[in-house]
Structures are given as structure tokens and as C-alpha cells.
Amino acid sequence: MPPTVVGLFTGLLLGIAWVVGGFDAFVGTAVLGVIGFLVGKVVSGQLDLIPYLGGGGRSSR
């Protein structure tokens, strides 16, 4: 699915969450969406978290 379509659906779902649950639901949905996006990037191999987690820069002695 093209990124523009994914963005469209994401925006529509965030809008529905805002209307149904208010601003708190909108923020919660947005945060969970970003977490899901990052997990998807890590699983597909497009994002490497090792430099941020401190696992790759150490030398063994």
C-alpha cells in the first residue's frame, strides 16, 4: 500500500478517535500509532536501534 494511502487512513482513524473519545483518545491513538510504526520499521530491518540502546559501540577487554 502506498505511503500516501497509509497516511490518509491514519489521519482518518486519528480523527475518529478524537471525535469519539476526545483529545486524550486522540493523543493516545497517535502515540500508539508511532510506536507501531517504529516496531514495523525495526521488524522490516529499516531501522537499527543498536546505536541508541548502547549495544554496538563497546569494545570487549
PDB file of N, CA and C in Angstrom:
ATOM      1  N   MET A   1       0.841  -1.162   0.000  1.00  0.00           N
ATOM      2  CA  MET A   1       0.000   0.000   0.000  1.00  0.00           C
ATOM      3  C   MET A   1       0.901   1.244   0.000  1.00  0.00           C
ATOM      4  N   PRO A   2       0.604   2.207  -0.842  1.00  0.00           N
ATOM      5  CA  PRO A   2       1.447   3.419  -0.905  1.00  0.00           C
ATOM      6  C   PRO A   2       1.400   4.210   0.402  1.00  0.00           C
ATOM      7  N   PRO A   3       2.497   4.890   0.713  1.00  0.00           N
ATOM      8  CA  PRO A   3       2.542   5.667   1.962  1.00  0.00           C
ATOM      9  C   PRO A   3       1.465   6.742   2.059  1.00  0.00           C
ATOM     10  N   THR A   4       1.044   7.296   0.936  1.00  0.00           N
ATOM     11  CA  THR A   4       0.001   8.330   0.998  1.00  0.00           C
ATOM     12  C   THR A   4      -1.325   7.734   1.460  1.00  0.00           C
ATOM     13  N   VAL A   5      -1.627   6.518   1.047  1.00  0.00           N
ATOM     14  CA  VAL A   5      -2.867   5.865   1.463  1.00  0.00           C
ATOM     15  C   VAL A   5      -2.794   5.504   2.946  1.00  0.00           C
ATOM     16  N   VAL A   6      -1.639   5.025   3.385  1.00  0.00           N
ATOM     17  CA  VAL A   6      -1.456   4.715   4.804  1.00  0.00           C
ATOM     18  C   VAL A   6      -1.621   5.988   5.632  1.00  0.00           C
ATOM     19  N   GLY A   7      -1.039   7.086   5.171  1.00  0.00           N
ATOM     20  CA  GLY A   7      -1.189   8.365   5.872  1.00  0.00           C
ATOM     21  C   GLY A   7      -2.632   8.839   5.905  1.00  0.00           C
ATOM     22  N   LEU A   8      -3.348   8.633   4.812  1.00  0.00           N
ATOM     23  CA  LEU A   8      -4.756   9.017   4.761  1.00  0.00           C
ATOM     24  C   LEU A   8      -5.562   8.236   5.788  1.00  0.00           C
ATOM     25  N   PHE A   9      -5.392   6.922   5.822  1.00  0.00           N
ATOM     26  CA  PHE A   9      -6.116   6.100   6.777  1.00  0.00           C
ATOM     27  C   PHE A   9      -5.717   6.423   8.215  1.00  0.00           C
ATOM     28  N   THR A  10      -4.454   6.694   8.435  1.00  0.00           N
ATOM     29  CA  THR A  10      -4.007   7.066   9.768  1.00  0.00           C
ATOM     30  C   THR A  10      -4.683   8.353  10.220  1.00  0.00           C
ATOM     31  N   GLY A  11      -4.716   9.328   9.350  1.00  0.00           N
ATOM     32  CA  GLY A  11      -5.375  10.589   9.675  1.00  0.00           C
ATOM     33  C   GLY A  11      -6.857  10.427   9.944  1.00  0.00           C
ATOM     34  N   LEU A  12      -7.508   9.575   9.147  1.00  0.00           N
ATOM     35  CA  LEU A  12      -8.931   9.338   9.362  1.00  0.00           C
ATOM     36  C   LEU A  12      -9.187   8.635  10.698  1.00  0.00           C
ATOM     37  N   LEU A  13      -8.358   7.647  11.021  1.00  0.00           N
ATOM     38  CA  LEU A  13      -8.534   6.947  12.296  1.00  0.00           C
ATOM     39  C   LEU A  13      -8.256   7.862  13.486  1.00  0.00           C
ATOM     40  N   LEU A  14      -7.247   8.731  13.366  1.00  0.00           N
ATOM     41  CA  LEU A  14      -6.980   9.693  14.437  1.00  0.00           C
ATOM     42  C   LEU A  14      -8.140  10.674  14.602  1.00  0.00           C
ATOM     43  N   GLY A  15      -8.719  11.086  13.491  1.00  0.00           N
ATOM     44  CA  GLY A  15      -9.874  11.980  13.547  1.00  0.00           C
ATOM     45  C   GLY A  15     -11.073  11.326  14.215  1.00  0.00           C
ATOM     46  N   ILE A  16     -11.313  10.053  13.899  1.00  0.00           N
ATOM     47  CA  ILE A  16     -12.413   9.329  14.532  1.00  0.00           C
ATOM     48  C   ILE A  16     -12.154   9.180  16.034  1.00  0.00           C
ATOM     49  N   ALA A  17     -10.907   8.871  16.405  1.00  0.00           N
ATOM     50  CA  ALA A  17     -10.580   8.737  17.826  1.00  0.00           C
ATOM     51  C   ALA A  17     -10.812  10.055  18.556  1.00  0.00           C
ATOM     52  N   TRP A  18     -10.485  11.163  17.903  1.00  0.00           N
ATOM     53  CA  TRP A  18     -10.676  12.465  18.526  1.00  0.00           C
ATOM     54  C   TRP A  18     -12.160  12.776  18.729  1.00  0.00           C
ATOM     55  N   VAL A  19     -12.963  12.481  17.706  1.00  0.00           N
ATOM     56  CA  VAL A  19     -14.392  12.774  17.791  1.00  0.00           C
ATOM     57  C   VAL A  19     -15.064  11.888  18.835  1.00  0.00           C
ATOM     58  N   VAL A  20     -14.706  10.607  18.852  1.00  0.00           N
ATOM     59  CA  VAL A  20     -15.365   9.668  19.750  1.00  0.00           C
ATOM     60  C   VAL A  20     -14.878   9.813  21.182  1.00  0.00           C
ATOM     61  N   GLY A  21     -13.563   9.913  21.378  1.00  0.00           N
ATOM     62  CA  GLY A  21     -13.027   9.868  22.733  1.00  0.00           C
ATOM     63  C   GLY A  21     -12.473  11.164  23.263  1.00  0.00           C
ATOM     64  N   GLY A  22     -12.421  12.191  22.458  1.00  0.00           N
ATOM     65  CA  GLY A  22     -11.864  13.459  22.916  1.00  0.00           C
ATOM     66  C   GLY A  22     -10.368  13.544  22.650  1.00  0.00           C
ATOM     67  N   PHE A  23      -9.754  14.588  23.184  1.00  0.00           N
ATOM     68  CA  PHE A  23      -8.345  14.847  22.912  1.00  0.00           C
ATOM     69  C   PHE A  23      -7.437  13.785  23.514  1.00  0.00           C
ATOM     70  N   ASP A  24      -7.793  13.258  24.685  1.00  0.00           N
ATOM     71  CA  ASP A  24      -6.970  12.222  25.316  1.00  0.00           C
ATOM     72  C   ASP A  24      -6.888  10.974  24.442  1.00  0.00           C
ATOM     73  N   ALA A  25      -8.009  10.582  23.875  1.00  0.00           N
ATOM     74  CA  ALA A  25      -8.020   9.416  22.986  1.00  0.00           C
ATOM     75  C   ALA A  25      -7.219   9.697  21.718  1.00  0.00           C
ATOM     76  N   PHE A  26      -7.275  10.929  21.235  1.00  0.00           N
ATOM     77  CA  PHE A  26      -6.505  11.311  20.051  1.00  0.00           C
ATOM     78  C   PHE A  26      -5.009  11.181  20.325  1.00  0.00           C
ATOM     79  N   VAL A  27      -4.554  11.696  21.440  1.00  0.00           N
ATOM     80  CA  VAL A  27      -3.128  11.635  21.780  1.00  0.00           C
ATOM     81  C   VAL A  27      -2.704  10.186  22.012  1.00  0.00           C
ATOM     82  N   GLY A  28      -3.515   9.427  22.725  1.00  0.00           N
ATOM     83  CA  GLY A  28      -3.204   8.029  22.970  1.00  0.00           C
ATOM     84  C   GLY A  28      -3.113   7.232  21.679  1.00  0.00           C
ATOM     85  N   THR A  29      -4.032   7.464  20.764  1.00  0.00           N
ATOM     86  CA  THR A  29      -4.009   6.777  19.478  1.00  0.00           C
ATOM     87  C   THR A  29      -2.786   7.182  18.680  1.00  0.00           C
ATOM     88  N   ALA A  30      -2.429   8.448  18.712  1.00  0.00           N
ATOM     89  CA  ALA A  30      -1.255   8.914  17.976  1.00  0.00           C
ATOM     90  C   ALA A  30       0.021   8.297  18.533  1.00  0.00           C
ATOM     91  N   VAL A  31       0.134   8.227  19.847  1.00  0.00           N
ATOM     92  CA  VAL A  31       1.335   7.640  20.472  1.00  0.00           C
ATOM     93  C   VAL A  31       1.442   6.162  20.126  1.00  0.00           C
ATOM     94  N   LEU A  32       0.338   5.434  20.237  1.00  0.00           N
ATOM     95  CA  LEU A  32       0.360   4.017  19.892  1.00  0.00           C
ATOM     96  C   LEU A  32       0.644   3.808  18.404  1.00  0.00           C
ATOM     97  N   GLY A  33       0.165   4.699  17.569  1.00  0.00           N
ATOM     98  CA  GLY A  33       0.467   4.612  16.139  1.00  0.00           C
ATOM     99  C   GLY A  33       1.943   4.799  15.852  1.00  0.00           C
ATOM    100  N   VAL A  34       2.570   5.740  16.534  1.00  0.00           N
ATOM    101  CA  VAL A  34       4.012   5.964  16.349  1.00  0.00           C
ATOM    102  C   VAL A  34       4.810   4.761  16.849  1.00  0.00           C
ATOM    103  N   ILE A  35       4.396   4.194  17.969  1.00  0.00           N
ATOM    104  CA  ILE A  35       5.081   3.006  18.480  1.00  0.00           C
ATOM    105  C   ILE A  35       4.942   1.850  17.497  1.00  0.00           C
ATOM    106  N   GLY A  36       3.760   1.648  16.971  1.00  0.00           N
ATOM    107  CA  GLY A  36       3.547   0.596  15.978  1.00  0.00           C
ATOM    108  C   GLY A  36       4.356   0.824  14.716  1.00  0.00           C
ATOM    109  N   PHE A  37       4.458   2.080  14.295  1.00  0.00           N
ATOM    110  CA  PHE A  37       5.263   2.418  13.118  1.00  0.00           C
ATOM    111  C   PHE A  37       6.732   2.075  13.349  1.00  0.00           C
ATOM    112  N   LEU A  38       7.249   2.429  14.512  1.00  0.00           N
ATOM    113  CA  LEU A  38       8.656   2.142  14.826  1.00  0.00           C
ATOM    114  C   LEU A  38       8.914   0.646  14.937  1.00  0.00           C
ATOM    115  N   VAL A  39       7.992  -0.089  15.541  1.00  0.00           N
ATOM    116  CA  VAL A  39       8.144  -1.540  15.632  1.00  0.00           C
ATOM    117  C   VAL A  39       8.143  -2.152  14.238  1.00  0.00           C
ATOM    118  N   GLY A  40       7.292  -1.670  13.370  1.00  0.00           N
ATOM    119  CA  GLY A  40       7.267  -2.164  11.994  1.00  0.00           C
ATOM    120  C   GLY A  40       8.570  -1.894  11.266  1.00  0.00           C
ATOM    121  N   LYS A  41       9.152  -0.723  11.479  1.00  0.00           N
ATOM    122  CA  LYS A  41      10.436  -0.396  10.851  1.00  0.00           C
ATOM    123  C   LYS A  41      11.550  -1.299  11.368  1.00  0.00           C
ATOM    124  N   VAL A  42      11.553  -1.583  12.668  1.00  0.00           N
ATOM    125  CA  VAL A  42      12.576  -2.450  13.247  1.00  0.00           C
ATOM    126  C   VAL A  42      12.425  -3.866  12.707  1.00  0.00           C
ATOM    127  N   VAL A  43      11.215  -4.376  12.659  1.00  0.00           N
ATOM    128  CA  VAL A  43      10.975  -5.736  12.188  1.00  0.00           C
ATOM    129  C   VAL A  43      11.353  -5.889  10.721  1.00  0.00           C
ATOM    130  N   SER A  44      11.083  -4.873   9.916  1.00  0.00           N
ATOM    131  CA  SER A  44      11.409  -4.957   8.489  1.00  0.00           C
ATOM    132  C   SER A  44      12.881  -4.688   8.209  1.00  0.00           C
ATOM    133  N   GLY A  45      13.641  -4.280   9.222  1.00  0.00           N
ATOM    134  CA  GLY A  45      15.068  -4.050   9.054  1.00  0.00           C
ATOM    135  C   GLY A  45      15.422  -2.669   8.537  1.00  0.00           C
ATOM    136  N   GLN A  46      14.491  -1.752   8.516  1.00  0.00           N
ATOM    137  CA  GLN A  46      14.738  -0.404   8.024  1.00  0.00           C
ATOM    138  C   GLN A  46      15.226   0.536   9.123  1.00  0.00           C
ATOM    139  N   LEU A  47      15.177   0.089  10.369  1.00  0.00           N
ATOM    140  CA  LEU A  47      15.610   0.909  11.492  1.00  0.00           C
ATOM    141  C   LEU A  47      16.433   0.040  12.430  1.00  0.00           C
ATOM    142  N   ASP A  48      17.647   0.498  12.728  1.00  0.00           N
ATOM    143  CA  ASP A  48      18.545  -0.240  13.601  1.00  0.00           C
ATOM    144  C   ASP A  48      18.665   0.520  14.921  1.00  0.00           C
ATOM    145  N   LEU A  49      18.237  -0.122  16.014  1.00  0.00           N
ATOM    146  CA  LEU A  49      18.230   0.538  17.315  1.00  0.00           C
ATOM    147  C   LEU A  49      19.475   0.279  18.137  1.00  0.00           C
ATOM    148  N   ILE A  50      20.397  -0.521  17.656  1.00  0.00           N
ATOM    149  CA  ILE A  50      21.586  -0.873  18.438  1.00  0.00           C
ATOM    150  C   ILE A  50      22.400   0.359  18.850  1.00  0.00           C
ATOM    151  N   PRO A  51      22.614   1.343  17.968  1.00  0.00           N
ATOM    152  CA  PRO A  51      23.374   2.526  18.431  1.00  0.00           C
ATOM    153  C   PRO A  51      22.667   3.292  19.546  1.00  0.00           C
ATOM    154  N   TYR A  52      21.331   3.264  19.556  1.00  0.00           N
ATOM    155  CA  TYR A  52      20.583   4.007  20.568  1.00  0.00           C
ATOM    156  C   TYR A  52      20.457   3.241  21.881  1.00  0.00           C
ATOM    157  N   LEU A  53      20.555   1.918  21.798  1.00  0.00           N
ATOM    158  CA  LEU A  53      20.439   1.100  23.006  1.00  0.00           C
ATOM    159  C   LEU A  53      21.795   0.826  23.643  1.00  0.00           C
ATOM    160  N   GLY A  54      22.868   1.274  22.992  1.00  0.00           N
ATOM    161  CA  GLY A  54      24.202   1.146  23.563  1.00  0.00           C
ATOM    162  C   GLY A  54      24.782  -0.241  23.448  1.00  0.00           C
ATOM    163  N   GLY A  55      24.389  -1.018  22.448  1.00  0.00           N
ATOM    164  CA  GLY A  55      24.878  -2.363  22.356  1.00  0.00           C
ATOM    165  C   GLY A  55      25.990  -2.577  21.369  1.00  0.00           C
ATOM    166  N   GLY A  56      26.290  -1.626  20.502  1.00  0.00           N
ATOM    167  CA  GLY A  56      27.252  -1.896  19.448  1.00  0.00           C
ATOM    168  C   GLY A  56      28.563  -1.163  19.558  1.00  0.00           C
ATOM    169  N   GLY A  57      28.670  -0.151  20.382  1.00  0.00           N
ATOM    170  CA  GLY A  57      29.876   0.661  20.395  1.00  0.00           C
ATOM    171  C   GLY A  57      30.913   0.283  21.417  1.00  0.00           C
ATOM    172  N   ARG A  58      30.677  -0.766  22.158  1.00  0.00           N
ATOM    173  CA  ARG A  58      31.600  -1.130  23.230  1.00  0.00           C
ATOM    174  C   ARG A  58      32.632  -2.129  22.719  1.00  0.00           C
ATOM    175  N   SER A  59      33.847  -1.979  23.196  1.00  0.00           N
ATOM    176  CA  SER A  59      34.880  -2.957  22.856  1.00  0.00           C
ATOM    177  C   SER A  59      35.079  -3.883  24.039  1.00  0.00           C
ATOM    178  N   SER A  60      35.282  -5.157  23.744  1.00  0.00           N
ATOM    179  CA  SER A  60      35.469  -6.126  24.820  1.00  0.00           C
ATOM    180  C   SER A  60      36.937  -6.139  25.269  1.00  0.00           C
ATOM    181  N   ARG A  61      37.160  -6.308  26.546  1.00  0.00           N
ATOM    182  CA  ARG A  61      38.516  -6.308  27.094  1.00  0.00           C
ATOM    183  C   ARG A  61      38.859  -7.636  27.664  1.00  0.00           C
TER     184      ARG A  61
END
